[in-house]
Amino acid sequence: MNLNIVRLDIDESFPMPQTPRPGDAGVDLIAATGGILSPGDSMVVGCGFSMEVPENFVGLVCPRSGLSAQHHISVGNAPGVIDSSYRGEVKVILEHRGHKYTGAFRWRRGDRIAQLVIVPYAHVESVIEVKELSNSDRGSGGFGSTGVATSNVNVLSVAASEAPTEETTVKMRSKKANK
């Protein structure tokens, strides 16, 4: 697949997105500007190009595993969705998920900050309201229902036609608790 891109007000020496190695799923996204993020902060960073995602495909902006593992840097809305109709500058919401002792994260113009994966999708033509859904083995189990979660999850109780009413804590069972 080819991906059509347009360079935006950046000199010709600025690197455009490319796959690092043959067979890699992601295309590197490169920061058009440098910056600094303190723990807990986020920032929108432009990549200096716009693109034309093919029809019936979507661009997913994903974190770089090395930045996440080594510096606590992720994509704030991971994965970010770029629809085939969007023609503006590709941007990344960088988020520093470290704690106050982690220190600030600095990047320079030209650094690889995220990756873009182009995937096909099934278009939802209509949403149909029904009285009930078909049964499945899983049912409505979620948020650790398989027994792997060990933490508490805050759940906001919301009626279909009302604003949130109360906050409750749901304790998830771990595999150890089930033994």
Foldseek 3Di string as FASTA:
>chain_A
DDKDKDFAPDDPVQDDWDDPDPPDQWTFQFFQFKDKAAAFDKDKTFRRMWIAQDPQKKKWKWFDVCCCVPFVKTFPVGGDIHHRVDGDTDITIIHRNDDNVSGMDIDGGRDGGIIIGMGGDDDDPDDDDDPDDDDDPCRPDDDCSVADDQDKDKDFDDDPPDDTDDIDIDGHHHPVNVD
